[in-house]
Amino acid sequence: MSNTQKRKILYGRTLRELQKQIKFQEKAAYVPISAVKFYEHEKYPYQILVEKKWLAKGRKYELNKTI
């Protein structure tokens, strides 16, 4: 991955796995900017969009399952 990448999608097989990914990415200055999406019939059904911290000022997120 490039150092200039500002947004990326995190994937998880379970909501707990995705939460671990989010915590790991927060150490690298990424913060969630969307709600968790659930896509049935996918290998990694839980997905969330993250963005570099300095771009996402004032944005909130929720870790709720949405269909």
C-alpha atoms as a PDB file:
ATOM      1  CA  MET A   1       0.000   0.000   0.000  1.00  0.00           C
ATOM      2  CA  SER A   2       1.051   3.488  -0.720  1.00  0.00           C
ATOM      3  CA  ASN A   3       1.840   5.977   2.034  1.00  0.00           C
ATOM      4  CA  THR A   4      -0.421   8.477   0.283  1.00  0.00           C
ATOM      5  CA  GLN A   5      -3.529   6.307   0.561  1.00  0.00           C
ATOM      6  CA  LYS A   6      -6.139   8.256   2.524  1.00  0.00           C
ATOM      7  CA  ARG A   7      -9.106   5.854   2.574  1.00  0.00           C
ATOM      8  CA  LYS A   8      -9.512   2.104   2.681  1.00  0.00           C
ATOM      9  CA  ILE A   9     -12.099  -0.551   3.445  1.00  0.00           C
ATOM     10  CA  LEU A  10     -11.577  -2.944   6.334  1.00  0.00           C
ATOM     11  CA  TYR A  11     -13.054  -6.445   6.166  1.00  0.00           C
ATOM     12  CA  GLY A  12     -14.011  -8.973   8.834  1.00  0.00           C
ATOM     13  CA  ARG A  13     -15.655 -12.381   9.008  1.00  0.00           C
ATOM     14  CA  THR A  14     -17.270 -11.396  12.317  1.00  0.00           C
ATOM     15  CA  LEU A  15     -18.073  -8.079  13.948  1.00  0.00           C
ATOM     16  CA  ARG A  16     -15.480  -8.789  16.630  1.00  0.00           C
ATOM     17  CA  GLU A  17     -12.786  -9.431  14.012  1.00  0.00           C
ATOM     18  CA  LEU A  18     -13.667  -6.131  12.338  1.00  0.00           C
ATOM     19  CA  GLN A  19     -13.445  -4.278  15.660  1.00  0.00           C
ATOM     20  CA  LYS A  20      -9.916  -5.642  16.116  1.00  0.00           C
ATOM     21  CA  GLN A  21      -9.024  -4.374  12.638  1.00  0.00           C
ATOM     22  CA  ILE A  22     -10.401  -0.933  13.520  1.00  0.00           C
ATOM     23  CA  LYS A  23      -8.352  -0.730  16.721  1.00  0.00           C
ATOM     24  CA  PHE A  24      -5.214  -1.756  14.852  1.00  0.00           C
ATOM     25  CA  GLN A  25      -5.806   0.861  12.136  1.00  0.00           C
ATOM     26  CA  GLU A  26      -6.461   3.602  14.708  1.00  0.00           C
ATOM     27  CA  LYS A  27      -2.820   3.190  15.778  1.00  0.00           C
ATOM     28  CA  ALA A  28      -1.884   4.036  12.183  1.00  0.00           C
ATOM     29  CA  ALA A  29      -3.983   7.261  12.250  1.00  0.00           C
ATOM     30  CA  TYR A  30      -7.072   5.825  10.530  1.00  0.00           C
ATOM     31  CA  VAL A  31     -10.571   6.410  11.907  1.00  0.00           C
ATOM     32  CA  PRO A  32     -13.912   4.933  10.765  1.00  0.00           C
ATOM     33  CA  ILE A  33     -16.069   7.315   8.730  1.00  0.00           C
ATOM     34  CA  SER A  34     -19.017   5.029   7.960  1.00  0.00           C
ATOM     35  CA  ALA A  35     -21.264   2.590   9.744  1.00  0.00           C
ATOM     36  CA  VAL A  36     -20.462  -1.107   9.598  1.00  0.00           C
ATOM     37  CA  LYS A  37     -22.061  -2.720   6.553  1.00  0.00           C
ATOM     38  CA  PHE A  38     -23.138  -6.366   6.472  1.00  0.00           C
ATOM     39  CA  TYR A  39     -23.118  -8.134   3.108  1.00  0.00           C
ATOM     40  CA  GLU A  40     -24.699 -11.567   3.246  1.00  0.00           C
ATOM     41  CA  HIS A  41     -23.085 -14.320   1.129  1.00  0.00           C
ATOM     42  CA  GLU A  42     -19.632 -12.655   1.175  1.00  0.00           C
ATOM     43  CA  LYS A  43     -16.446 -14.262   2.519  1.00  0.00           C
ATOM     44  CA  TYR A  44     -15.905 -11.191   4.741  1.00  0.00           C
ATOM     45  CA  PRO A  45     -19.444  -9.879   5.296  1.00  0.00           C
ATOM     46  CA  TYR A  46     -18.582  -7.052   7.721  1.00  0.00           C
ATOM     47  CA  GLN A  47     -17.047  -3.990   6.105  1.00  0.00           C
ATOM     48  CA  ILE A  48     -16.305  -0.405   7.127  1.00  0.00           C
ATOM     49  CA  LEU A  49     -14.664   2.572   5.448  1.00  0.00           C
ATOM     50  CA  VAL A  50     -11.765   4.261   7.264  1.00  0.00           C
ATOM     51  CA  GLU A  51      -9.932   7.482   6.513  1.00  0.00           C
ATOM     52  CA  LYS A  52      -6.778   9.213   7.740  1.00  0.00           C
ATOM     53  CA  LYS A  53      -7.499  10.985  11.038  1.00  0.00           C
ATOM     54  CA  TRP A  54      -6.738  14.537   9.903  1.00  0.00           C
ATOM     55  CA  LEU A  55      -9.322  14.249   7.090  1.00  0.00           C
ATOM     56  CA  ALA A  56     -12.160  12.892   9.240  1.00  0.00           C
ATOM     57  CA  LYS A  57     -12.464  15.663  11.848  1.00  0.00           C
ATOM     58  CA  GLY A  58     -15.807  15.642  13.620  1.00  0.00           C
ATOM     59  CA  ARG A  59     -17.150  12.483  11.992  1.00  0.00           C
ATOM     60  CA  LYS A  60     -18.720   9.795  14.170  1.00  0.00           C
ATOM     61  CA  TYR A  61     -19.329   6.131  13.518  1.00  0.00           C
ATOM     62  CA  GLU A  62     -21.417   3.319  14.913  1.00  0.00           C
ATOM     63  CA  LEU A  63     -20.550  -0.349  15.201  1.00  0.00           C
ATOM     64  CA  ASN A  64     -24.053  -1.622  14.545  1.00  0.00           C
ATOM     65  CA  LYS A  65     -24.995  -4.336  12.117  1.00  0.00           C
ATOM     66  CA  THR A  66     -26.826  -2.781   9.174  1.00  0.00           C
ATOM     67  CA  ILE A  67     -28.427  -4.736   6.368  1.00  0.00           C
END
